[in-house]
Amino acid sequence: MSYAVISDVHSNIHALEAVLRDINERGITDIFFTGDVVGYGPKPNECIELIKQNCKIILAGNHDWAAIGYTDITYFNQYAKHAIEWTAKELSEEHIEDLKTFNLVKSSEENDAFFAHSTPMDPELWSYLFSVEQVVQNFSAFKQSICFIGHSHLAVVFEMDETGQTYIHKEPILRNKKSRYIVNTGSVGQPRDNDNRSSYGLIYDDTIEIVRVEYDIGLTQAEMAAVGLPEMLINRLSLGI
């Protein structure tokens, strides 16, 4: 069975539209979203609406919770804080209520998959999975063969084989039925791995692939500038950092 997993849209409607178009052109109909539809970008309401229309599972990320007061923003840097404060004022009542309904974790029995925004072990703490040691600990937090996350905006596939050996992949791989996986699909709206193209995860014919998609970065940047979002957030989109 084929399906796509997207994450970290961050109110970037042009990136989201480009990714959804690419998924549609591949004939994929099942799409799962692992959180952070808002924050940083200029089109929060429009992005929430598109996610609602297209995704079978929708999770909340830390920026989604921050925008509705569920997460304290004192630990956010000044740029993220500015964007969240602007977003909170921009959100419609309907979309505020939508954000309140999004779960922290979900699973799909049909796909033998688990979904979380940050980590499967402590999703409400908004921790990051960077080291192999952290990844190994988190394999014990879900029973499914594959777990999808976002949060760090860094696309990578972690594989643990039947012996407990862990591997890191960044190229498409053939799925080993005896292995388990944690897949960070990267970010649709704000990639941070030195590649400014949108990123999403694709599962097809037992292959796991991170797909990159170009979008009109300049148009998003112009819209950010028009509403007074921080210059640092605007510039980083071009650099993919």
C-alpha atoms as a PDB file:
ATOM      1  CA  MET A   1       0.000   0.000   0.000  1.00  0.00           C
ATOM      2  CA  SER A   2       1.249   3.483  -0.895  1.00  0.00           C
ATOM      3  CA  TYR A   3       0.838   6.595   1.219  1.00  0.00           C
ATOM      4  CA  ALA A   4       2.479   9.940   1.962  1.00  0.00           C
ATOM      5  CA  VAL A   5       3.435  11.567   5.264  1.00  0.00           C
ATOM      6  CA  ILE A   6       3.875  15.328   5.568  1.00  0.00           C
ATOM      7  CA  SER A   7       4.940  17.526   8.479  1.00  0.00           C
ATOM      8  CA  ASP A   8       5.844  21.045   9.566  1.00  0.00           C
ATOM      9  CA  VAL A   9       3.928  23.109   7.020  1.00  0.00           C
ATOM     10  CA  HIS A  10       4.324  26.245   9.147  1.00  0.00           C
ATOM     11  CA  SER A  11       1.719  28.371   7.354  1.00  0.00           C
ATOM     12  CA  ASN A  12       3.566  28.131   4.025  1.00  0.00           C
ATOM     13  CA  ILE A  13       0.652  27.655   1.633  1.00  0.00           C
ATOM     14  CA  HIS A  14       2.717  27.649  -1.564  1.00  0.00           C
ATOM     15  CA  ALA A  15       4.973  24.870  -0.280  1.00  0.00           C
ATOM     16  CA  LEU A  16       1.956  22.873   0.870  1.00  0.00           C
ATOM     17  CA  GLU A  17       0.184  23.247  -2.470  1.00  0.00           C
ATOM     18  CA  ALA A  18       3.307  22.119  -4.328  1.00  0.00           C
ATOM     19  CA  VAL A  19       3.693  19.032  -2.139  1.00  0.00           C
ATOM     20  CA  LEU A  20       0.009  18.082  -2.411  1.00  0.00           C
ATOM     21  CA  ARG A  21       0.229  18.489  -6.176  1.00  0.00           C
ATOM     22  CA  ASP A  22       3.277  16.200  -6.333  1.00  0.00           C
ATOM     23  CA  ILE A  23       1.531  13.582  -4.183  1.00  0.00           C
ATOM     24  CA  ASN A  24      -1.584  13.757  -6.360  1.00  0.00           C
ATOM     25  CA  GLU A  25       0.446  13.381  -9.561  1.00  0.00           C
ATOM     26  CA  ARG A  26       1.893  10.148  -8.148  1.00  0.00           C
ATOM     27  CA  GLY A  27      -1.627   8.794  -7.645  1.00  0.00           C
ATOM     28  CA  ILE A  28      -1.341   8.728  -3.842  1.00  0.00           C
ATOM     29  CA  THR A  29      -4.632   9.288  -2.007  1.00  0.00           C
ATOM     30  CA  ASP A  30      -3.724   8.523   1.622  1.00  0.00           C
ATOM     31  CA  ILE A  31      -1.898  11.399   3.326  1.00  0.00           C
ATOM     32  CA  PHE A  32      -0.968  11.636   7.011  1.00  0.00           C
ATOM     33  CA  PHE A  33       0.108  14.848   8.768  1.00  0.00           C
ATOM     34  CA  THR A  34       2.417  14.872  11.812  1.00  0.00           C
ATOM     35  CA  GLY A  35       1.959  18.405  13.088  1.00  0.00           C
ATOM     36  CA  ASP A  36       2.907  22.087  13.011  1.00  0.00           C
ATOM     37  CA  VAL A  37       0.526  23.377  10.400  1.00  0.00           C
ATOM     38  CA  VAL A  38       1.038  26.950  11.721  1.00  0.00           C
ATOM     39  CA  GLY A  39       3.898  29.138  12.925  1.00  0.00           C
ATOM     40  CA  TYR A  40       6.592  31.083  11.040  1.00  0.00           C
ATOM     41  CA  GLY A  41       4.630  31.625   7.805  1.00  0.00           C
ATOM     42  CA  PRO A  42       1.932  34.017   6.512  1.00  0.00           C
ATOM     43  CA  LYS A  43      -1.077  31.785   5.737  1.00  0.00           C
ATOM     44  CA  PRO A  44      -2.177  29.829   8.837  1.00  0.00           C
ATOM     45  CA  ASN A  45      -5.917  29.639   8.134  1.00  0.00           C
ATOM     46  CA  GLU A  46      -5.454  28.573   4.531  1.00  0.00           C
ATOM     47  CA  CYS A  47      -2.996  25.836   5.515  1.00  0.00           C
ATOM     48  CA  ILE A  48      -5.262  24.437   8.216  1.00  0.00           C
ATOM     49  CA  GLU A  49      -8.074  24.245   5.688  1.00  0.00           C
ATOM     50  CA  LEU A  50      -5.952  22.364   3.136  1.00  0.00           C
ATOM     51  CA  ILE A  51      -4.687  19.926   5.758  1.00  0.00           C
ATOM     52  CA  LYS A  52      -8.273  19.241   6.887  1.00  0.00           C
ATOM     53  CA  GLN A  53      -9.338  18.588   3.304  1.00  0.00           C
ATOM     54  CA  ASN A  54      -6.483  16.254   2.384  1.00  0.00           C
ATOM     55  CA  CYS A  55      -5.200  14.323   5.406  1.00  0.00           C
ATOM     56  CA  LYS A  56      -6.564  11.130   7.013  1.00  0.00           C
ATOM     57  CA  ILE A  57      -4.667  11.685  10.268  1.00  0.00           C
ATOM     58  CA  ILE A  58      -3.863  15.164  11.609  1.00  0.00           C
ATOM     59  CA  LEU A  59      -1.588  15.744  14.594  1.00  0.00           C
ATOM     60  CA  ALA A  60      -0.733  18.847  16.608  1.00  0.00           C
ATOM     61  CA  GLY A  61       2.805  20.183  16.857  1.00  0.00           C
ATOM     62  CA  ASN A  62       4.331  22.535  19.419  1.00  0.00           C
ATOM     63  CA  HIS A  63       3.617  25.606  17.279  1.00  0.00           C
ATOM     64  CA  ASP A  64      -0.002  24.541  16.844  1.00  0.00           C
ATOM     65  CA  TRP A  65      -0.389  24.226  20.610  1.00  0.00           C
ATOM     66  CA  ALA A  66       1.500  27.475  21.196  1.00  0.00           C
ATOM     67  CA  ALA A  67      -0.868  29.373  18.887  1.00  0.00           C
ATOM     68  CA  ILE A  68      -3.859  28.371  21.035  1.00  0.00           C
ATOM     69  CA  GLY A  69      -2.151  28.788  24.408  1.00  0.00           C
ATOM     70  CA  TYR A  70      -1.625  25.106  25.159  1.00  0.00           C
ATOM     71  CA  THR A  71       2.184  25.389  25.140  1.00  0.00           C
ATOM     72  CA  ASP A  72       4.274  28.056  26.871  1.00  0.00           C
ATOM     73  CA  ILE A  73       6.261  30.096  24.335  1.00  0.00           C
ATOM     74  CA  THR A  74       8.874  31.403  26.765  1.00  0.00           C
ATOM     75  CA  TYR A  75      11.341  28.811  25.424  1.00  0.00           C
ATOM     76  CA  PHE A  76      10.761  29.941  21.810  1.00  0.00           C
ATOM     77  CA  ASN A  77      13.404  32.180  20.268  1.00  0.00           C
ATOM     78  CA  GLN A  78      12.410  35.778  19.568  1.00  0.00           C
ATOM     79  CA  TYR A  79      11.579  35.119  15.907  1.00  0.00           C
ATOM     80  CA  ALA A  80       9.391  32.078  16.566  1.00  0.00           C
ATOM     81  CA  LYS A  81       7.684  33.949  19.407  1.00  0.00           C
ATOM     82  CA  HIS A  82       6.927  36.928  17.159  1.00  0.00           C
ATOM     83  CA  ALA A  83       5.453  34.630  14.511  1.00  0.00           C
ATOM     84  CA  ILE A  84       3.290  32.745  17.024  1.00  0.00           C
ATOM     85  CA  GLU A  85       1.940  35.950  18.530  1.00  0.00           C
ATOM     86  CA  TRP A  86       1.047  37.170  15.051  1.00  0.00           C
ATOM     87  CA  THR A  87      -0.485  33.792  14.171  1.00  0.00           C
ATOM     88  CA  ALA A  88      -2.640  33.719  17.310  1.00  0.00           C
ATOM     89  CA  LYS A  89      -4.206  37.047  16.308  1.00  0.00           C
ATOM     90  CA  GLU A  90      -4.656  35.948  12.686  1.00  0.00           C
ATOM     91  CA  LEU A  91      -6.413  32.627  13.315  1.00  0.00           C
ATOM     92  CA  SER A  92     -10.147  32.450  12.751  1.00  0.00           C
ATOM     93  CA  GLU A  93     -12.370  31.081  15.526  1.00  0.00           C
ATOM     94  CA  GLU A  94     -13.103  28.042  13.367  1.00  0.00           C
ATOM     95  CA  HIS A  95      -9.452  27.211  12.919  1.00  0.00           C
ATOM     96  CA  ILE A  96      -8.659  27.791  16.587  1.00  0.00           C
ATOM     97  CA  GLU A  97     -11.247  25.133  17.354  1.00  0.00           C
ATOM     98  CA  ASP A  98      -9.695  22.877  14.701  1.00  0.00           C
ATOM     99  CA  LEU A  99      -6.267  23.113  16.344  1.00  0.00           C
ATOM    100  CA  LYS A 100      -7.797  22.137  19.678  1.00  0.00           C
ATOM    101  CA  THR A 101      -9.016  18.842  18.201  1.00  0.00           C
ATOM    102  CA  PHE A 102      -5.676  17.685  16.797  1.00  0.00           C
ATOM    103  CA  ASN A 103      -4.104  14.754  18.688  1.00  0.00           C
ATOM    104  CA  LEU A 104      -0.494  14.401  19.832  1.00  0.00           C
ATOM    105  CA  VAL A 105      -0.163  10.814  18.575  1.00  0.00           C
ATOM    106  CA  LYS A 106      -2.150   8.480  16.356  1.00  0.00           C
ATOM    107  CA  SER A 107      -1.732   5.048  14.818  1.00  0.00           C
ATOM    108  CA  SER A 108      -2.892   3.322  11.657  1.00  0.00           C
ATOM    109  CA  GLU A 109      -3.541  -0.393  12.028  1.00  0.00           C
ATOM    110  CA  GLU A 110      -3.966  -0.728   8.276  1.00  0.00           C
ATOM    111  CA  ASN A 111      -0.435   0.585   7.654  1.00  0.00           C
ATOM    112  CA  ASP A 112       1.143  -0.829  10.838  1.00  0.00           C
ATOM    113  CA  ALA A 113       2.289   2.745  11.493  1.00  0.00           C
ATOM    114  CA  PHE A 114       2.552   5.129  14.447  1.00  0.00           C
ATOM    115  CA  PHE A 115       2.574   8.922  14.134  1.00  0.00           C
ATOM    116  CA  ALA A 116       3.945  11.595  16.498  1.00  0.00           C
ATOM    117  CA  HIS A 117       5.156  15.143  16.010  1.00  0.00           C
ATOM    118  CA  SER A 118       8.227  15.113  18.248  1.00  0.00           C
ATOM    119  CA  THR A 119       8.883  11.701  19.798  1.00  0.00           C
ATOM    120  CA  PRO A 120       6.760   8.594  20.380  1.00  0.00           C
ATOM    121  CA  MET A 121       8.111   8.270  23.934  1.00  0.00           C
ATOM    122  CA  ASP A 122       7.200  11.694  25.375  1.00  0.00           C
ATOM    123  CA  PRO A 123       5.217  13.545  22.711  1.00  0.00           C
ATOM    124  CA  GLU A 124       4.034  16.307  25.037  1.00  0.00           C
ATOM    125  CA  LEU A 125       7.611  17.335  25.952  1.00  0.00           C
ATOM    126  CA  TRP A 126       8.473  18.364  22.365  1.00  0.00           C
ATOM    127  CA  SER A 127      11.899  16.717  22.525  1.00  0.00           C
ATOM    128  CA  TYR A 128      14.083  16.109  19.474  1.00  0.00           C
ATOM    129  CA  LEU A 129      15.574  12.880  18.143  1.00  0.00           C
ATOM    130  CA  PHE A 130      19.098  13.675  17.048  1.00  0.00           C
ATOM    131  CA  SER A 131      21.362  10.930  18.420  1.00  0.00           C
ATOM    132  CA  VAL A 132      21.241   7.203  17.769  1.00  0.00           C
ATOM    133  CA  GLU A 133      20.970   6.662  21.531  1.00  0.00           C
ATOM    134  CA  GLN A 134      17.796   8.773  21.669  1.00  0.00           C
ATOM    135  CA  VAL A 135      16.375   6.931  18.684  1.00  0.00           C
ATOM    136  CA  VAL A 136      17.041   3.495  20.186  1.00  0.00           C
ATOM    137  CA  GLN A 137      15.212   4.481  23.383  1.00  0.00           C
ATOM    138  CA  ASN A 138      12.174   5.591  21.396  1.00  0.00           C
ATOM    139  CA  PHE A 139      11.760   2.304  19.523  1.00  0.00           C
ATOM    140  CA  SER A 140      10.378   0.881  22.770  1.00  0.00           C
ATOM    141  CA  ALA A 141       7.589   3.497  22.847  1.00  0.00           C
ATOM    142  CA  PHE A 142       5.583   2.077  19.935  1.00  0.00           C
ATOM    143  CA  LYS A 143       4.687  -1.427  18.813  1.00  0.00           C
ATOM    144  CA  GLN A 144       4.192  -0.806  15.091  1.00  0.00           C
ATOM    145  CA  SER A 145       6.885  -1.529  12.517  1.00  0.00           C
ATOM    146  CA  ILE A 146       7.246   2.108  11.494  1.00  0.00           C
ATOM    147  CA  CYS A 147       6.911   5.470  13.242  1.00  0.00           C
ATOM    148  CA  PHE A 148       6.748   8.849  11.513  1.00  0.00           C
ATOM    149  CA  ILE A 149       7.817  12.103  13.163  1.00  0.00           C
ATOM    150  CA  GLY A 150       8.698  15.693  12.253  1.00  0.00           C
ATOM    151  CA  HIS A 151       9.683  18.598  14.538  1.00  0.00           C
ATOM    152  CA  SER A 152      13.412  18.936  13.753  1.00  0.00           C
ATOM    153  CA  HIS A 153      12.821  19.728  10.042  1.00  0.00           C
ATOM    154  CA  LEU A 154      15.655  17.293   9.236  1.00  0.00           C
ATOM    155  CA  ALA A 155      14.711  14.447   6.890  1.00  0.00           C
ATOM    156  CA  VAL A 156      16.218  11.086   7.863  1.00  0.00           C
ATOM    157  CA  VAL A 157      15.307   7.386   8.199  1.00  0.00           C
ATOM    158  CA  PHE A 158      16.447   5.353  11.207  1.00  0.00           C
ATOM    159  CA  GLU A 159      16.362   1.557  10.901  1.00  0.00           C
ATOM    160  CA  MET A 160      16.721  -0.989  13.679  1.00  0.00           C
ATOM    161  CA  ASP A 161      17.234  -4.550  12.452  1.00  0.00           C
ATOM    162  CA  GLU A 162      16.292  -7.760  14.256  1.00  0.00           C
ATOM    163  CA  THR A 163      19.656  -7.801  16.086  1.00  0.00           C
ATOM    164  CA  GLY A 164      19.189  -4.296  17.483  1.00  0.00           C
ATOM    165  CA  GLN A 165      21.723  -2.724  15.145  1.00  0.00           C
ATOM    166  CA  THR A 166      20.698   0.807  14.093  1.00  0.00           C
ATOM    167  CA  TYR A 167      21.327   2.392  10.686  1.00  0.00           C
ATOM    168  CA  ILE A 168      20.813   5.909   9.334  1.00  0.00           C
ATOM    169  CA  HIS A 169      19.549   6.412   5.780  1.00  0.00           C
ATOM    170  CA  LYS A 170      19.015   9.527   3.678  1.00  0.00           C
ATOM    171  CA  GLU A 171      18.481   7.825   0.329  1.00  0.00           C
ATOM    172  CA  PRO A 172      15.463   5.700  -0.713  1.00  0.00           C
ATOM    173  CA  ILE A 173      15.623   2.254   0.883  1.00  0.00           C
ATOM    174  CA  LEU A 174      13.848  -1.072   0.431  1.00  0.00           C
ATOM    175  CA  ARG A 175      11.994  -1.895   3.622  1.00  0.00           C
ATOM    176  CA  ASN A 176      13.237  -4.976   5.486  1.00  0.00           C
ATOM    177  CA  LYS A 177      10.284  -6.875   6.973  1.00  0.00           C
ATOM    178  CA  LYS A 178      12.409  -7.846   9.984  1.00  0.00           C
ATOM    179  CA  SER A 179      13.423  -4.244  10.732  1.00  0.00           C
ATOM    180  CA  ARG A 180      11.585  -1.387  12.427  1.00  0.00           C
ATOM    181  CA  TYR A 181      11.828   2.256  11.406  1.00  0.00           C
ATOM    182  CA  ILE A 182      11.573   5.810  12.693  1.00  0.00           C
ATOM    183  CA  VAL A 183      11.172   8.213   9.780  1.00  0.00           C
ATOM    184  CA  ASN A 184      11.532  11.964  10.082  1.00  0.00           C
ATOM    185  CA  THR A 185       9.926  13.265   6.907  1.00  0.00           C
ATOM    186  CA  GLY A 186      11.482  16.720   7.193  1.00  0.00           C
ATOM    187  CA  SER A 187       9.517  19.924   6.651  1.00  0.00           C
ATOM    188  CA  VAL A 188       7.081  21.004   3.963  1.00  0.00           C
ATOM    189  CA  GLY A 189       7.217  24.696   4.818  1.00  0.00           C
ATOM    190  CA  GLN A 190      10.634  25.332   6.346  1.00  0.00           C
ATOM    191  CA  PRO A 191      13.357  22.745   5.568  1.00  0.00           C
ATOM    192  CA  ARG A 192      16.517  23.053   7.662  1.00  0.00           C
ATOM    193  CA  ASP A 193      18.902  20.561   6.088  1.00  0.00           C
ATOM    194  CA  ASN A 194      20.580  23.010   3.691  1.00  0.00           C
ATOM    195  CA  ASP A 195      18.087  22.118   0.952  1.00  0.00           C
ATOM    196  CA  ASN A 196      15.395  24.766   0.476  1.00  0.00           C
ATOM    197  CA  ARG A 197      12.990  22.412  -1.301  1.00  0.00           C
ATOM    198  CA  SER A 198       9.960  21.080   0.542  1.00  0.00           C
ATOM    199  CA  SER A 199      10.313  17.597   2.001  1.00  0.00           C
ATOM    200  CA  TYR A 200       7.867  14.751   2.634  1.00  0.00           C
ATOM    201  CA  GLY A 201       7.861  10.987   3.158  1.00  0.00           C
ATOM    202  CA  LEU A 202       6.598   8.473   0.611  1.00  0.00           C
ATOM    203  CA  ILE A 203       5.956   4.768   1.194  1.00  0.00           C
ATOM    204  CA  TYR A 204       5.379   2.657  -1.923  1.00  0.00           C
ATOM    205  CA  ASP A 205       6.037  -0.954  -2.908  1.00  0.00           C
ATOM    206  CA  ASP A 206       7.898  -1.497   0.388  1.00  0.00           C
ATOM    207  CA  THR A 207      10.199   1.442  -0.377  1.00  0.00           C
ATOM    208  CA  ILE A 208      10.754   4.360   2.015  1.00  0.00           C
ATOM    209  CA  GLU A 209      11.704   7.594   0.256  1.00  0.00           C
ATOM    210  CA  ILE A 210      12.158  11.221   1.244  1.00  0.00           C
ATOM    211  CA  VAL A 211      10.839  13.312  -1.647  1.00  0.00           C
ATOM    212  CA  ARG A 212      11.953  16.896  -2.353  1.00  0.00           C
ATOM    213  CA  VAL A 213       9.688  19.377  -4.133  1.00  0.00           C
ATOM    214  CA  GLU A 214      10.443  22.875  -5.409  1.00  0.00           C
ATOM    215  CA  TYR A 215       7.980  25.693  -4.725  1.00  0.00           C
ATOM    216  CA  ASP A 216       7.802  29.474  -5.195  1.00  0.00           C
ATOM    217  CA  ILE A 217       9.925  30.583  -2.239  1.00  0.00           C
ATOM    218  CA  GLY A 218       9.927  34.216  -3.368  1.00  0.00           C
ATOM    219  CA  LEU A 219       6.146  34.402  -3.254  1.00  0.00           C
ATOM    220  CA  THR A 220       6.043  33.099   0.324  1.00  0.00           C
ATOM    221  CA  GLN A 221       8.794  35.535   1.312  1.00  0.00           C
ATOM    222  CA  ALA A 222       6.902  38.479  -0.210  1.00  0.00           C
ATOM    223  CA  GLU A 223       3.763  37.520   1.719  1.00  0.00           C
ATOM    224  CA  MET A 224       5.750  37.230   4.955  1.00  0.00           C
ATOM    225  CA  ALA A 225       7.247  40.662   4.447  1.00  0.00           C
ATOM    226  CA  ALA A 226       3.825  42.153   3.691  1.00  0.00           C
ATOM    227  CA  VAL A 227       2.488  41.133   7.121  1.00  0.00           C
ATOM    228  CA  GLY A 228       5.640  42.131   9.010  1.00  0.00           C
ATOM    229  CA  LEU A 229       7.077  38.739   9.911  1.00  0.00           C
ATOM    230  CA  PRO A 230      10.761  38.765  10.973  1.00  0.00           C
ATOM    231  CA  GLU A 231      13.385  39.203   8.253  1.00  0.00           C
ATOM    232  CA  MET A 232      15.400  36.315   9.670  1.00  0.00           C
ATOM    233  CA  LEU A 233      12.485  33.915   9.067  1.00  0.00           C
ATOM    234  CA  ILE A 234      12.043  35.289   5.563  1.00  0.00           C
ATOM    235  CA  ASN A 235      15.689  34.916   4.578  1.00  0.00           C
ATOM    236  CA  ARG A 236      16.189  31.416   5.948  1.00  0.00           C
ATOM    237  CA  LEU A 237      13.665  29.962   3.482  1.00  0.00           C
ATOM    238  CA  SER A 238      16.063  30.627   0.606  1.00  0.00           C
ATOM    239  CA  LEU A 239      18.925  28.893   2.429  1.00  0.00           C
ATOM    240  CA  GLY A 240      17.078  25.860   3.785  1.00  0.00           C
ATOM    241  CA  ILE A 241      18.421  26.426   7.303  1.00  0.00           C
END
